[in-house]
C-alpha cells in the first residue's frame, strides 16, 4: 500500500510540473497533494518494513482491491486542495472514474478547470489503464515481495499469457509498449492540429480506454478534423486489443497476431457493428442532426456519418467513452444497439472494461456445441480456442462470470431505480459504470454528465466501477465467508 501511494505521489509531482508550465495557479495545491500522499506512503513503508513479505493468494486479492480504493481516495486530494471539485463525494467519483478508466465525469465546465488538474485527471486514467498493481510489480521485487499472486488477482480472465518467465519483466515490457504507444498517439494528435497539452491528455485517455477529455464536447470539439478522429479510432482499437499482441508486433511476429481467434473476432465485431450503425444512420438521415458541420467537410455527409458510426462503435466496444455525437439522438433502434454494445468489452489483456470478447466467443461456441451434444449425448465434444481444447473448468468459470456480471447489472440498476431514476437512466448507468464505459442513457447520455446524480448514487456508481474494473471476483470474493475462513 505504501509503494502504491508513493507511485501516486510521484505522478502528482508530474502534474505539479504541468501546472507550473501552464501557469494555472494550482502548482502549490498539487505539491501539497503530492507531499501528503508521499508522506502517508512513506510512513506505511517504515511501519511495515519488518513485516512478513511473503504474499498468500488472499493477500493478493486484498492488496489489489484495497490498493485501488486507496489510490482513488488519495487521488481526490488534488481536486479538493485546488478547489476544482470541493465536495468529497464528487471528488471521489471523479477519482474512481479516472483510476477505473470509466471516464464518467461530474464536471459541468471542463474547460474552466485548471490545466494541472486536468493533467492529473488524465493521469489517473493512464495509471489505472495498465493496472496500478502491474505498475507496482516492477518495484515490489526490490522489497522482497513476489508478484505472481498480484498478477493473478489483477488479470483474472480465462488465460494470462506471459511475455517472459518472470512477471516483473512482463510488467516492464508491457509498460514500455504502453509508453511508446502513448507517445506516438500524442505526436500524431499534435501534428493533426491539437495543442500539445490536449494531445498528451487525449493520448493518455485513449491508450487507457478511459475517455476523459479536456473539452466540454469531448472529441466532437474536433469534428472538423477527421485526421484527429481517425487517429483516435486507430489507437482505441490498439488499446482494446490484447497487449501481448502488441508485443508480438514489436518483435516482428505478425503471424501470431492474426492467428489469434479473439483478435479476429474483435475486428469482425467492429466492422459489422459499424456497418449496422452506418446503415441505419444513412437510411434515416439521423446523422445530419448530429453533424451540422457536414457542409464544411471535403468528403461530405456520407463520409461524416461513416466516421461517426465507426468512432462511436469503437468508443463503446473498447469502453473508451469518447464521443463525437450523441448516439441516443439517433433513434430508438440505435440507442438500444449501443446499449447492447456496452456489455461487449474489448479483448482480454487490454485496458478495456466489459465482459471481454473472448468470453463472448467461448460462450457462443459452447452454446452451439450444446446442439451437437443434444444429438450425440455419448460423444465427448469440447470447445476449442486457437486450435486448442479449452478446459471444462474454464468454460464453467466464464459462465459463472457472465451470470455474476448480469446479476450485478440488475442489482446495480435496481439500486439506481430506488433513488428515483427512470428506467433508461438506471439501466444505462448500471451498464456504463459496471462496464467502465462512460456515457450512459437517459439523463446521463453522451451529451450530459453525472453531476445530477445524488450523493448516494455517486457512491453506488463508484462501487460498480470498482468491481467492474477488477472483473467482479477480485472484489466480491472479499465479501464471501469462504475468503475469511481458515482451512
Protein backbone atom coordinates (compact mmCIF):
# COMPACT_ATOMS: atom_id res chain seq x y z
CA UNK A 1 0.00 0.00 0.00
CA UNK A 2 2.87 2.33 0.82
CA UNK A 3 4.51 1.64 -2.53
CA UNK A 4 1.26 2.38 -4.36
CA UNK A 5 0.83 5.69 -2.56
CA UNK A 6 4.42 6.64 -3.38
CA UNK A 7 3.66 5.98 -7.06
CA UNK A 8 0.60 8.16 -6.81
CA UNK A 9 2.55 10.93 -5.14
CA UNK A 10 5.22 10.79 -7.81
CA UNK A 11 2.66 11.25 -10.57
CA UNK A 12 1.19 14.18 -8.62
CA UNK A 13 4.62 15.83 -8.86
CA UNK A 14 4.42 15.44 -12.65
CA UNK A 15 1.02 17.14 -12.59
CA UNK A 16 2.50 19.94 -10.48
CA UNK A 17 5.15 20.36 -13.18
CA UNK A 18 2.43 20.61 -15.83
CA UNK A 19 0.63 23.16 -13.66
CA UNK A 20 3.80 25.24 -13.34
CA UNK A 21 4.43 25.13 -17.09
CA UNK A 22 0.85 26.13 -17.87
CA UNK A 23 0.90 28.83 -15.14
CA UNK A 24 -2.60 27.91 -13.92
CA UNK A 25 -2.04 28.87 -10.27
CA UNK A 26 -2.55 25.35 -8.86
CA UNK A 27 1.07 24.24 -8.53
CA UNK A 28 1.05 24.61 -4.74
CA UNK A 29 -2.18 22.58 -4.37
CA UNK A 30 -0.70 19.75 -6.43
CA UNK A 31 2.58 19.86 -4.47
CA UNK A 32 0.63 19.68 -1.21
CA UNK A 33 -1.26 16.68 -2.55
CA UNK A 34 1.99 15.02 -3.63
CA UNK A 35 3.75 15.56 -0.28
CA UNK A 36 0.70 14.37 1.66
CA UNK A 37 0.40 11.20 -0.41
CA UNK A 38 4.15 10.52 -0.28
CA UNK A 39 4.16 11.17 3.46
CA UNK A 40 1.45 8.62 4.16
CA UNK A 41 3.01 6.13 1.76
CA UNK A 42 6.46 6.56 3.31
CA UNK A 43 5.01 6.14 6.79
CA UNK A 44 3.39 2.84 5.78
CA UNK A 45 6.69 1.64 4.32
CA UNK A 46 8.57 2.47 7.52
CA UNK A 47 5.97 0.99 9.87
CA UNK A 48 5.75 -2.26 7.90
CA UNK A 49 9.41 -2.67 6.96
CA UNK A 50 9.88 -5.71 9.22
CA UNK A 51 6.64 -7.49 8.32
CA UNK A 52 6.44 -10.86 6.59
CA UNK A 53 6.82 -10.15 2.87
CA UNK A 54 5.55 -13.46 1.55
CA UNK A 55 2.16 -12.89 -0.05
CA UNK A 56 -0.50 -15.56 0.01
CA UNK A 57 -3.20 -15.65 -2.66
CA UNK A 58 -5.70 -13.98 -0.32
CA UNK A 59 -3.20 -11.20 0.30
CA UNK A 60 -3.04 -10.58 -3.43
CA UNK A 61 -6.78 -10.04 -3.65
CA UNK A 62 -6.72 -7.71 -0.64
CA UNK A 63 -3.83 -5.66 -1.99
CA UNK A 64 -5.48 -5.25 -5.40
CA UNK A 65 -8.91 -4.30 -4.05
CA UNK A 66 -7.78 -2.10 -1.17
CA UNK A 67 -4.94 -0.69 -3.23
CA UNK A 68 -7.34 0.50 -5.90
CA UNK A 69 -9.57 2.02 -3.23
CA UNK A 70 -6.63 3.72 -1.50
CA UNK A 71 -5.29 5.14 -4.76
CA UNK A 72 -8.71 6.54 -5.59
CA UNK A 73 -9.03 8.09 -2.12
CA UNK A 74 -5.63 9.75 -2.36
CA UNK A 75 -6.49 10.81 -5.90
CA UNK A 76 -9.16 13.13 -4.52
CA UNK A 77 -6.57 15.41 -2.88
CA UNK A 78 -5.67 17.49 -5.98
CA UNK A 79 -9.36 18.13 -6.65
CA UNK A 80 -10.12 19.13 -3.06
CA UNK A 81 -6.93 21.14 -2.33
CA UNK A 82 -7.29 23.11 -5.57
CA UNK A 83 -11.00 23.72 -5.05
CA UNK A 84 -11.74 22.41 -8.56
CA UNK A 85 -14.07 19.78 -7.01
CA UNK A 86 -14.62 20.82 -3.38
CA UNK A 87 -17.15 18.14 -2.35
CA UNK A 88 -15.69 14.76 -1.34
CA UNK A 89 -18.48 12.76 -2.98
CA UNK A 90 -17.82 14.48 -6.30
CA UNK A 91 -14.03 14.29 -5.97
CA UNK A 92 -14.12 10.60 -5.06
CA UNK A 93 -16.43 9.88 -8.01
CA UNK A 94 -14.08 11.70 -10.41
CA UNK A 95 -11.03 9.96 -8.96
CA UNK A 96 -12.55 6.46 -9.07
CA UNK A 97 -13.86 7.14 -12.57
CA UNK A 98 -10.31 8.03 -13.57
CA UNK A 99 -8.46 5.10 -11.99
CA UNK A 100 -11.04 2.59 -13.24
CA UNK A 101 -10.86 4.21 -16.72
CA UNK A 102 -14.62 4.71 -16.76
CA UNK A 103 -14.43 8.31 -17.94
CA UNK A 104 -17.72 9.45 -16.39
CA UNK A 105 -17.48 12.98 -15.02
CA UNK A 106 -19.41 15.30 -12.71
CA UNK A 107 -17.77 18.43 -14.17
CA UNK A 108 -20.16 20.81 -15.92
CA UNK A 109 -17.47 23.04 -17.44
CA UNK A 110 -14.32 21.03 -18.08
CA UNK A 111 -12.60 23.84 -19.94
CA UNK A 112 -12.79 26.06 -16.84
CA UNK A 113 -10.77 23.55 -14.78
CA UNK A 114 -7.07 24.48 -14.30
CA UNK A 115 -4.66 22.74 -16.67
CA UNK A 116 -2.69 21.00 -13.91
CA UNK A 117 -5.86 19.46 -12.50
CA UNK A 118 -6.92 18.30 -15.97
CA UNK A 119 -3.49 16.74 -16.39
CA UNK A 120 -3.86 14.90 -13.08
CA UNK A 121 -7.34 13.80 -14.16
CA UNK A 122 -5.90 12.26 -17.35
CA UNK A 123 -3.00 10.77 -15.40
CA UNK A 124 -5.41 8.79 -13.21
CA UNK A 125 -6.64 7.19 -16.43
CA UNK A 126 -3.13 6.43 -17.57
CA UNK A 127 -2.14 4.83 -14.27
CA UNK A 128 -5.33 2.79 -13.99
CA UNK A 129 -5.35 1.75 -17.62
CA UNK A 130 -2.48 -0.67 -17.44
CA UNK A 131 -3.15 -1.53 -13.84
CA UNK A 132 -1.85 0.03 -10.66
CA UNK A 133 -0.70 -3.34 -9.48
CA UNK A 134 1.09 -4.25 -12.71
CA UNK A 135 2.93 -0.93 -12.42
CA UNK A 136 3.99 -1.80 -8.88
CA UNK A 137 5.20 -5.25 -9.92
CA UNK A 138 8.38 -3.72 -11.32
CA UNK A 139 9.23 -2.33 -7.87
CA UNK A 140 7.84 -4.85 -5.38
CA UNK A 141 10.58 -7.43 -6.03
CA UNK A 142 13.10 -4.87 -4.82
CA UNK A 143 11.31 -5.05 -1.48
CA UNK A 144 11.46 -8.82 -1.45
CA UNK A 145 7.81 -9.32 -2.44
CA UNK A 146 6.89 -11.85 -5.11
CA UNK A 147 4.39 -10.69 -7.69
CA UNK A 148 2.63 -13.72 -9.15
CA UNK A 149 -0.22 -13.54 -6.65
CA UNK A 150 -0.88 -9.94 -7.62
CA UNK A 151 -0.81 -10.73 -11.34
CA UNK A 152 -3.40 -13.45 -10.80
CA UNK A 153 -5.70 -11.04 -8.98
CA UNK A 154 -5.13 -8.23 -11.47
CA UNK A 155 -5.78 -10.40 -14.53
CA UNK A 156 -8.42 -12.96 -13.56
CA UNK A 157 -9.51 -13.63 -17.14
CA UNK A 158 -9.67 -17.04 -18.82
CA UNK A 159 -5.94 -17.01 -19.53
CA UNK A 160 -2.91 -14.83 -18.90
CA UNK A 161 -0.12 -15.08 -21.47
CA UNK A 162 3.27 -14.14 -20.09
CA UNK A 163 5.80 -12.41 -22.31
CA UNK A 164 8.68 -13.51 -20.10
CA UNK A 165 9.09 -16.18 -17.42
CA UNK A 166 9.42 -13.52 -14.73
CA UNK A 167 6.31 -11.45 -14.07
CA UNK A 168 8.34 -8.34 -13.29
CA UNK A 169 9.93 -8.44 -16.73
CA UNK A 170 6.45 -8.91 -18.19
CA UNK A 171 5.27 -5.77 -16.42
CA UNK A 172 8.27 -3.78 -17.63
CA UNK A 173 7.75 -4.83 -21.24
CA UNK A 174 4.03 -4.05 -21.13
CA UNK A 175 4.68 -0.62 -19.64
CA UNK A 176 7.34 0.12 -22.26
CA UNK A 177 4.84 -0.70 -25.02
CA UNK A 178 2.23 1.40 -23.21
CA UNK A 179 4.57 4.41 -23.04
CA UNK A 180 5.61 4.06 -26.68
CA UNK A 181 2.01 3.92 -27.92
CA UNK A 182 1.04 6.90 -25.75
CA UNK A 183 3.94 8.95 -27.10
CA UNK A 184 3.18 8.05 -30.71
CA UNK A 185 -0.52 8.84 -30.26
CA UNK A 186 0.28 12.23 -28.71
CA UNK A 187 2.65 13.14 -31.55
CA UNK A 188 0.10 12.22 -34.23
CA UNK A 189 -2.65 14.20 -32.50
CA UNK A 190 -0.33 17.17 -32.07
CA UNK A 191 0.61 17.00 -35.72
CA UNK A 192 -3.08 16.81 -36.62
CA UNK A 193 -3.92 20.17 -35.07
CA UNK A 194 -4.35 19.61 -31.33
CA UNK A 195 -2.31 21.68 -28.91
CA UNK A 196 0.50 19.73 -27.24
CA UNK A 197 -1.37 19.82 -23.92
CA UNK A 198 -4.59 18.48 -25.45
CA UNK A 199 -2.67 15.86 -27.43
CA UNK A 200 -0.89 14.46 -24.36
CA UNK A 201 -4.09 14.37 -22.31
CA UNK A 202 -6.10 12.65 -25.02
CA UNK A 203 -3.31 10.16 -25.71
CA UNK A 204 -3.32 9.14 -22.05
CA UNK A 205 -7.09 8.79 -22.11
CA UNK A 206 -7.09 6.85 -25.37
CA UNK A 207 -4.43 4.23 -24.53
CA UNK A 208 -6.08 3.65 -21.15
CA UNK A 209 -9.52 3.41 -22.86
CA UNK A 210 -10.62 6.00 -20.33
CA UNK A 211 -12.46 8.82 -22.05
CA UNK A 212 -11.64 11.95 -20.05
CA UNK A 213 -11.28 14.92 -22.41
CA UNK A 214 -10.03 18.45 -21.94
CA UNK A 215 -13.04 19.81 -23.85
CA UNK A 216 -16.71 20.02 -22.93
CA UNK A 217 -17.70 18.46 -26.27
CA UNK A 218 -15.13 15.65 -25.98
CA UNK A 219 -13.80 14.69 -29.43
CA UNK A 220 -16.77 16.47 -31.03
CA UNK A 221 -14.71 19.62 -30.45
CA UNK A 222 -12.61 18.44 -33.41
CA UNK A 223 -15.48 17.36 -35.67
CA UNK A 224 -13.91 19.40 -38.47
CA UNK A 225 -10.64 17.47 -38.11
CA UNK A 226 -11.11 13.92 -39.48
CA UNK A 227 -7.39 13.15 -39.00
CA UNK A 228 -7.70 13.58 -35.23
CA UNK A 229 -10.77 11.36 -35.00
CA UNK A 230 -9.40 8.61 -37.26
CA UNK A 231 -6.14 8.65 -35.30
CA UNK A 232 -8.09 8.28 -32.07
CA UNK A 233 -10.08 5.38 -33.56
CA UNK A 234 -6.83 3.59 -34.51
CA UNK A 235 -5.36 3.84 -31.03
CA UNK A 236 -8.66 2.93 -29.37
CA UNK A 237 -8.61 -0.27 -31.43
CA UNK A 238 -5.00 -0.92 -30.37
CA UNK A 239 -5.78 -0.22 -26.71
CA UNK A 240 -8.80 -2.53 -26.86
CA UNK A 241 -6.73 -5.44 -28.17
CA UNK A 242 -4.53 -7.76 -26.12
CA UNK A 243 -1.23 -6.01 -25.35
CA UNK A 244 0.56 -9.32 -25.79
CA UNK A 245 -0.27 -8.97 -29.50
CA UNK A 246 1.37 -5.54 -29.50
CA UNK A 247 4.49 -7.20 -28.10
CA UNK A 248 4.37 -9.69 -30.96
CA UNK A 249 4.10 -6.78 -33.41
CA UNK A 250 7.16 -5.07 -31.91
CA UNK A 251 9.15 -8.30 -32.16
CA UNK A 252 8.10 -8.96 -35.76
CA UNK A 253 5.84 -11.93 -35.00
CA UNK A 254 2.96 -10.63 -37.12
CA UNK A 255 1.61 -14.07 -37.97
CA UNK A 256 0.74 -14.64 -34.30
CA UNK A 257 -1.46 -11.53 -34.28
CA UNK A 258 -3.87 -12.70 -36.97
CA UNK A 259 -3.74 -16.29 -35.76
CA UNK A 260 -5.36 -15.10 -32.55
CA UNK A 261 -9.04 -16.01 -32.70
CA UNK A 262 -10.13 -13.33 -30.26
CA UNK A 263 -8.42 -10.57 -32.26
CA UNK A 264 -10.07 -11.69 -35.49
CA UNK A 265 -13.48 -11.78 -33.78
CA UNK A 266 -12.80 -8.36 -32.23
CA UNK A 267 -12.17 -6.84 -35.67
CA UNK A 268 -15.23 -8.58 -37.13
CA UNK A 269 -17.38 -7.10 -34.38
CA UNK A 270 -16.06 -3.61 -35.07
CA UNK A 271 -16.60 -3.77 -38.83
CA UNK A 272 -20.01 -5.45 -38.71
CA UNK A 273 -21.40 -3.21 -35.97
CA UNK A 274 -20.07 -0.11 -37.72
CA UNK A 275 -21.88 -1.24 -40.87
CA UNK A 276 -25.15 -1.61 -38.96
CA UNK A 277 -24.84 1.79 -37.28
CA UNK A 278 -23.87 3.48 -40.54
CA UNK A 279 -26.70 1.86 -42.49
CA UNK A 280 -29.37 2.94 -40.04
CA UNK A 281 -27.93 6.46 -39.74
CA UNK A 282 -27.75 6.77 -43.51
CA UNK A 283 -31.20 5.39 -44.23
CA UNK A 284 -32.95 7.54 -41.66
CA UNK A 285 -30.68 10.56 -42.25
CA UNK A 286 -30.45 10.91 -38.48
CA UNK A 287 -26.75 11.67 -38.74
CA UNK A 288 -27.50 15.06 -40.28
CA UNK A 289 -28.95 16.33 -36.99
CA UNK A 290 -25.74 15.50 -35.17
CA UNK A 291 -23.29 16.58 -37.88
CA UNK A 292 -24.23 20.12 -38.80
CA UNK A 293 -20.62 20.63 -39.92
CA UNK A 294 -21.01 18.24 -42.87
CA UNK A 295 -21.16 21.02 -45.44
CA UNK A 296 -17.70 22.20 -44.38
CA UNK A 297 -16.05 18.82 -44.88
CA UNK A 298 -14.44 17.81 -48.21
CA UNK A 299 -15.86 14.28 -48.24
CA UNK A 300 -19.40 15.33 -47.50
CA UNK A 301 -22.20 13.81 -45.48
CA UNK A 302 -21.59 10.11 -46.25
CA UNK A 303 -18.01 10.11 -45.00
CA UNK A 304 -19.03 12.07 -41.93
CA UNK A 305 -21.76 9.62 -40.96
CA UNK A 306 -19.45 6.66 -41.56
CA UNK A 307 -16.78 8.28 -39.37
CA UNK A 308 -19.24 8.96 -36.56
CA UNK A 309 -20.64 5.44 -36.75
CA UNK A 310 -17.13 3.95 -36.65
CA UNK A 311 -15.99 6.26 -33.86
CA UNK A 312 -18.96 5.60 -31.59
CA UNK A 313 -18.89 1.83 -32.15
CA UNK A 314 -15.17 1.64 -31.33
CA UNK A 315 -15.54 4.01 -28.36
CA UNK A 316 -18.28 1.87 -26.80
CA UNK A 317 -16.81 -1.57 -27.61
CA UNK A 318 -13.40 -0.59 -26.20
CA UNK A 319 -15.17 1.21 -23.29
CA UNK A 320 -13.19 4.38 -24.05
CA UNK A 321 -16.32 6.50 -23.98
CA UNK A 322 -15.18 9.41 -26.14
CA UNK A 323 -17.99 10.94 -28.17
CA UNK A 324 -18.25 12.83 -31.44
CA UNK A 325 -22.06 12.79 -31.42
CA UNK A 326 -24.97 11.84 -29.16
CA UNK A 327 -25.97 8.34 -30.26
CA UNK A 328 -29.11 8.50 -28.08
CA UNK A 329 -30.46 11.08 -30.56
CA UNK A 330 -30.09 8.65 -33.49
CA UNK A 331 -33.39 6.90 -32.85
CA UNK A 332 -34.65 4.10 -30.64
CA UNK A 333 -33.02 1.22 -32.51
CA UNK A 334 -29.50 2.67 -32.41
CA UNK A 335 -29.93 3.72 -28.77
CA UNK A 336 -30.69 0.11 -27.84
CA UNK A 337 -27.96 -1.05 -30.20
CA UNK A 338 -25.28 0.98 -28.42
CA UNK A 339 -26.72 -0.03 -25.05
CA UNK A 340 -26.10 -3.66 -26.03
CA UNK A 341 -22.52 -2.84 -27.08
CA UNK A 342 -21.83 -1.69 -23.50
CA UNK A 343 -21.83 -5.36 -22.48
CA UNK A 344 -19.28 -6.42 -25.10
CA UNK A 345 -15.93 -5.03 -24.00
CA UNK A 346 -12.55 -5.27 -25.68
CA UNK A 347 -10.04 -8.10 -25.66
CA UNK A 348 -8.67 -9.89 -22.61
CA UNK A 349 -5.27 -8.45 -21.73
CA UNK A 350 -6.29 -4.98 -22.90
CA UNK A 351 -7.09 -1.83 -20.94
CA UNK A 352 -10.79 -2.16 -21.85
CA UNK A 353 -13.57 -2.98 -19.41
CA UNK A 354 -16.72 -5.00 -20.06
CA UNK A 355 -17.20 -8.75 -20.32
CA UNK A 356 -14.45 -9.15 -22.98
CA UNK A 357 -14.63 -10.61 -26.48
CA UNK A 358 -13.01 -13.94 -25.59
CA UNK A 359 -15.70 -14.70 -23.01
CA UNK A 360 -18.47 -13.95 -25.50
CA UNK A 361 -16.70 -16.06 -28.11
CA UNK A 362 -16.32 -19.08 -25.84
CA UNK A 363 -19.91 -18.79 -24.58
CA UNK A 364 -21.21 -18.68 -28.17
CA UNK A 365 -19.09 -21.68 -29.14
CA UNK A 366 -20.23 -23.64 -26.11
CA UNK A 367 -23.84 -22.74 -26.85
CA UNK A 368 -23.66 -24.09 -30.41
CA UNK A 369 -21.93 -27.24 -29.20
CA UNK A 370 -24.91 -27.92 -26.95
CA UNK A 371 -26.87 -28.71 -30.13
CA UNK A 372 -24.31 -31.37 -31.04
CA UNK A 373 -24.31 -32.74 -27.50
CA UNK A 374 -28.11 -32.99 -27.59
CA UNK A 375 -27.93 -35.07 -30.79
CA UNK A 376 -24.92 -37.11 -29.67
CA UNK A 377 -25.20 -37.45 -25.88
CA UNK A 378 -22.41 -40.03 -25.62
CA UNK A 379 -19.88 -38.05 -27.65
CA UNK A 380 -17.11 -36.08 -25.98
CA UNK A 381 -17.34 -32.64 -27.59
CA UNK A 382 -15.14 -29.85 -26.20
CA UNK A 383 -14.80 -26.17 -27.01
CA UNK A 384 -11.70 -25.25 -28.99
CA UNK A 385 -9.97 -21.88 -28.98
CA UNK A 386 -6.89 -21.00 -31.05
CA UNK A 387 -6.78 -24.64 -32.17
CA UNK A 388 -6.52 -25.82 -28.58
CA UNK A 389 -9.06 -27.58 -26.40
CA UNK A 390 -10.49 -25.35 -23.69
CA UNK A 391 -10.56 -26.91 -20.26
CA UNK A 392 -14.08 -27.51 -18.97
CA UNK A 393 -13.24 -25.63 -15.76
CA UNK A 394 -12.50 -22.51 -17.80
CA UNK A 395 -15.87 -22.78 -19.54
CA UNK A 396 -17.62 -23.07 -16.18
CA UNK A 397 -15.68 -20.09 -14.84
CA UNK A 398 -16.70 -17.96 -17.84
CA UNK A 399 -20.35 -18.94 -17.45
CA UNK A 400 -20.16 -18.13 -13.73
CA UNK A 401 -18.60 -14.75 -14.55
CA UNK A 402 -21.32 -13.94 -17.07
CA UNK A 403 -24.10 -14.87 -14.65
CA UNK A 404 -22.47 -12.85 -11.86
CA UNK A 405 -22.00 -9.91 -14.26
CA UNK A 406 -25.67 -9.88 -15.24
CA UNK A 407 -26.78 -10.21 -11.60
CA UNK A 408 -24.52 -7.28 -10.71
CA UNK A 409 -26.03 -5.27 -13.58
CA UNK A 410 -29.58 -5.99 -12.39
CA UNK A 411 -28.76 -5.15 -8.77
CA UNK A 412 -26.92 -2.03 -9.92
CA UNK A 413 -29.90 -0.86 -11.99
CA UNK A 414 -32.28 -1.59 -9.09
CA UNK A 415 -30.09 0.50 -6.82
CA UNK A 416 -30.27 3.48 -9.17
CA UNK A 417 -34.01 2.90 -9.64
CA UNK A 418 -34.52 3.00 -5.86
CA UNK A 419 -33.04 6.51 -5.92
CA UNK A 420 -35.84 7.71 -8.19
CA UNK A 421 -34.11 7.46 -11.58
CA UNK A 422 -36.07 6.50 -14.69
CA UNK A 423 -35.74 3.03 -16.23
CA UNK A 424 -33.49 4.08 -19.11
CA UNK A 425 -31.27 6.20 -16.84
CA UNK A 426 -30.95 3.46 -14.21
CA UNK A 427 -30.25 0.69 -16.74
CA UNK A 428 -27.84 2.86 -18.70
CA UNK A 429 -25.94 3.91 -15.58
CA UNK A 430 -25.60 0.33 -14.35
CA UNK A 431 -24.34 -0.93 -17.72
CA UNK A 432 -21.98 2.01 -18.19
CA UNK A 433 -20.40 2.04 -14.72
CA UNK A 434 -20.11 -1.74 -14.42
CA UNK A 435 -18.56 -1.94 -17.89
CA UNK A 436 -16.39 1.18 -17.31
CA UNK A 437 -17.85 2.69 -20.49
CA UNK A 438 -18.54 6.32 -19.50
CA UNK A 439 -21.61 7.64 -21.34
CA UNK A 440 -24.94 6.10 -20.36
CA UNK A 441 -28.57 6.62 -21.43
CA UNK A 442 -31.44 8.91 -20.49
CA UNK A 443 -30.37 11.87 -18.38
CA UNK A 444 -26.76 10.67 -18.42
CA UNK A 445 -26.15 10.20 -22.14
CA UNK A 446 -23.10 11.27 -24.17
CA UNK A 447 -24.18 14.92 -24.23
CA UNK A 448 -24.70 15.07 -20.43
CA UNK A 449 -22.65 14.26 -17.33
CA UNK A 450 -23.14 12.65 -13.92
CA UNK A 451 -23.46 15.85 -11.87
CA UNK A 452 -27.21 15.28 -11.42
CA UNK A 453 -26.69 12.01 -9.52
CA UNK A 454 -27.49 12.19 -5.80
CA UNK A 455 -24.54 11.54 -3.47
CA UNK A 456 -25.79 8.01 -2.75
CA UNK A 457 -25.92 7.39 -6.49
CA UNK A 458 -22.35 8.60 -6.92
CA UNK A 459 -21.04 6.25 -4.24
CA UNK A 460 -23.09 3.39 -5.71
CA UNK A 461 -21.65 4.17 -9.13
CA UNK A 462 -18.08 4.14 -7.78
CA UNK A 463 -18.67 0.69 -6.27
CA UNK A 464 -19.90 -0.62 -9.62
CA UNK A 465 -16.89 0.96 -11.35
CA UNK A 466 -14.52 -0.76 -8.93
CA UNK A 467 -15.97 -4.26 -9.20
CA UNK A 468 -16.29 -3.89 -12.96
CA UNK A 469 -12.68 -2.76 -13.39
CA UNK A 470 -11.38 -5.65 -11.27
CA UNK A 471 -13.69 -8.13 -13.02
CA UNK A 472 -16.06 -8.88 -10.12
CA UNK A 473 -14.37 -11.86 -8.47
CA UNK A 474 -11.38 -9.91 -7.16
CA UNK A 475 -13.56 -7.59 -5.08
CA UNK A 476 -16.66 -9.67 -4.40
CA UNK A 477 -14.64 -12.63 -3.12
CA UNK A 478 -13.66 -10.48 -0.14
CA UNK A 479 -17.32 -10.32 0.89
CA UNK A 480 -17.69 -14.10 0.86
CA UNK A 481 -17.37 -16.12 4.10
CA UNK A 482 -15.04 -18.55 2.33
CA UNK A 483 -12.42 -15.83 1.97
CA UNK A 484 -12.12 -15.35 5.74
CA UNK A 485 -12.45 -18.98 6.75
CA UNK A 486 -9.30 -20.86 7.69
CA UNK A 487 -8.92 -24.33 6.18
